[in-house]
Amino acid sequence: MQLFEIEDQVKTLTEQLSCAQAEVTIKDALIKQHIKVAEEAVSR
């Protein structure tokens, strides 16, 4: 494997990791929102 191929793979993996991190952040916010709604429903 040549250096440019490795650099290209690193770039691709970095982009994939960034997308995965963004998805986790969005899902975490959604979970927190669901927890808040559930807590409000239980307290009524």
N, C-alpha and C. Protein backbone atom coordinates (compact mmCIF):
# COMPACT_ATOMS: atom_id res chain seq x y z
N MET A 1 0.85 -1.19 0.00
CA MET A 1 0.00 0.00 0.00
C MET A 1 0.89 1.24 0.00
N GLN A 2 0.55 2.17 -0.85
CA GLN A 2 1.37 3.36 -0.96
C GLN A 2 0.85 4.46 -0.04
N LEU A 3 1.72 5.41 0.18
CA LEU A 3 1.41 6.48 1.14
C LEU A 3 0.12 7.21 0.80
N PHE A 4 -0.12 7.54 -0.47
CA PHE A 4 -1.33 8.29 -0.83
C PHE A 4 -2.59 7.47 -0.57
N GLU A 5 -2.48 6.14 -0.69
CA GLU A 5 -3.63 5.29 -0.39
C GLU A 5 -3.93 5.29 1.11
N ILE A 6 -2.89 5.27 1.91
CA ILE A 6 -3.06 5.31 3.36
C ILE A 6 -3.65 6.65 3.78
N GLU A 7 -3.14 7.73 3.21
CA GLU A 7 -3.66 9.06 3.54
C GLU A 7 -5.13 9.18 3.15
N ASP A 8 -5.50 8.59 2.01
CA ASP A 8 -6.89 8.61 1.56
C ASP A 8 -7.78 7.81 2.51
N GLN A 9 -7.27 6.67 2.97
CA GLN A 9 -8.03 5.86 3.94
C GLN A 9 -8.21 6.61 5.25
N VAL A 10 -7.16 7.28 5.70
CA VAL A 10 -7.24 8.05 6.95
C VAL A 10 -8.28 9.16 6.80
N LYS A 11 -8.29 9.84 5.65
CA LYS A 11 -9.27 10.90 5.40
C LYS A 11 -10.69 10.33 5.42
N THR A 12 -10.89 9.19 4.75
CA THR A 12 -12.21 8.56 4.72
C THR A 12 -12.65 8.15 6.12
N LEU A 13 -11.75 7.52 6.87
CA LEU A 13 -12.10 7.09 8.23
C LEU A 13 -12.37 8.28 9.14
N THR A 14 -11.65 9.36 8.96
CA THR A 14 -11.87 10.57 9.75
C THR A 14 -13.26 11.14 9.46
N GLU A 15 -13.65 11.16 8.19
CA GLU A 15 -14.98 11.64 7.83
C GLU A 15 -16.07 10.74 8.41
N GLN A 16 -15.85 9.42 8.34
CA GLN A 16 -16.83 8.49 8.89
C GLN A 16 -16.95 8.66 10.40
N LEU A 17 -15.82 8.85 11.07
CA LEU A 17 -15.84 9.04 12.52
C LEU A 17 -16.56 10.33 12.88
N SER A 18 -16.34 11.37 12.11
CA SER A 18 -17.01 12.65 12.35
C SER A 18 -18.52 12.51 12.21
N CYS A 19 -18.96 11.78 11.18
CA CYS A 19 -20.39 11.55 10.97
C CYS A 19 -20.97 10.73 12.12
N ALA A 20 -20.26 9.71 12.55
CA ALA A 20 -20.73 8.87 13.65
C ALA A 20 -20.84 9.69 14.93
N GLN A 21 -19.87 10.56 15.16
CA GLN A 21 -19.90 11.40 16.36
C GLN A 21 -21.09 12.35 16.32
N ALA A 22 -21.39 12.90 15.16
CA ALA A 22 -22.53 13.79 15.01
C ALA A 22 -23.83 13.04 15.28
N GLU A 23 -23.93 11.80 14.77
CA GLU A 23 -25.13 10.99 15.01
C GLU A 23 -25.31 10.70 16.49
N VAL A 24 -24.22 10.38 17.18
CA VAL A 24 -24.29 10.09 18.62
C VAL A 24 -24.75 11.34 19.37
N THR A 25 -24.25 12.49 18.98
CA THR A 25 -24.64 13.74 19.64
C THR A 25 -26.14 14.00 19.45
N ILE A 26 -26.64 13.79 18.23
CA ILE A 26 -28.06 13.99 17.95
C ILE A 26 -28.91 13.01 18.74
N LYS A 27 -28.50 11.74 18.76
CA LYS A 27 -29.26 10.72 19.48
C LYS A 27 -29.23 10.98 20.98
N ASP A 28 -28.12 11.47 21.50
CA ASP A 28 -28.02 11.79 22.91
C ASP A 28 -29.00 12.90 23.28
N ALA A 29 -29.08 13.91 22.43
CA ALA A 29 -30.02 15.01 22.67
C ALA A 29 -31.46 14.51 22.62
N LEU A 30 -31.75 13.61 21.70
CA LEU A 30 -33.09 13.05 21.58
C LEU A 30 -33.45 12.23 22.83
N ILE A 31 -32.50 11.46 23.32
CA ILE A 31 -32.73 10.67 24.54
C ILE A 31 -33.01 11.59 25.72
N LYS A 32 -32.23 12.66 25.84
CA LYS A 32 -32.45 13.61 26.94
C LYS A 32 -33.84 14.24 26.84
N GLN A 33 -34.26 14.53 25.61
CA GLN A 33 -35.59 15.09 25.42
C GLN A 33 -36.67 14.09 25.82
N HIS A 34 -36.50 12.84 25.45
CA HIS A 34 -37.47 11.80 25.80
C HIS A 34 -37.53 11.59 27.31
N ILE A 35 -36.38 11.64 27.96
CA ILE A 35 -36.34 11.51 29.42
C ILE A 35 -37.14 12.64 30.06
N LYS A 36 -36.94 13.86 29.57
CA LYS A 36 -37.65 15.02 30.12
C LYS A 36 -39.16 14.86 29.94
N VAL A 37 -39.59 14.44 28.75
CA VAL A 37 -41.01 14.26 28.48
C VAL A 37 -41.58 13.16 29.38
N ALA A 38 -40.84 12.06 29.54
CA ALA A 38 -41.29 10.96 30.39
C ALA A 38 -41.41 11.40 31.84
N GLU A 39 -40.43 12.15 32.32
CA GLU A 39 -40.47 12.63 33.71
C GLU A 39 -41.64 13.58 33.92
N GLU A 40 -41.93 14.43 32.93
CA GLU A 40 -43.06 15.33 33.05
C GLU A 40 -44.38 14.56 33.05
N ALA A 41 -44.45 13.53 32.24
CA ALA A 41 -45.69 12.70 32.16
C ALA A 41 -45.93 11.97 33.49
N VAL A 42 -44.85 11.48 34.09
CA VAL A 42 -44.98 10.75 35.35
C VAL A 42 -45.34 11.67 36.51
N SER A 43 -44.87 12.90 36.47
CA SER A 43 -45.11 13.82 37.57
C SER A 43 -46.51 14.43 37.55
N ARG A 44 -47.26 14.21 36.51
CA ARG A 44 -48.62 14.79 36.43
C ARG A 44 -49.63 13.96 37.14
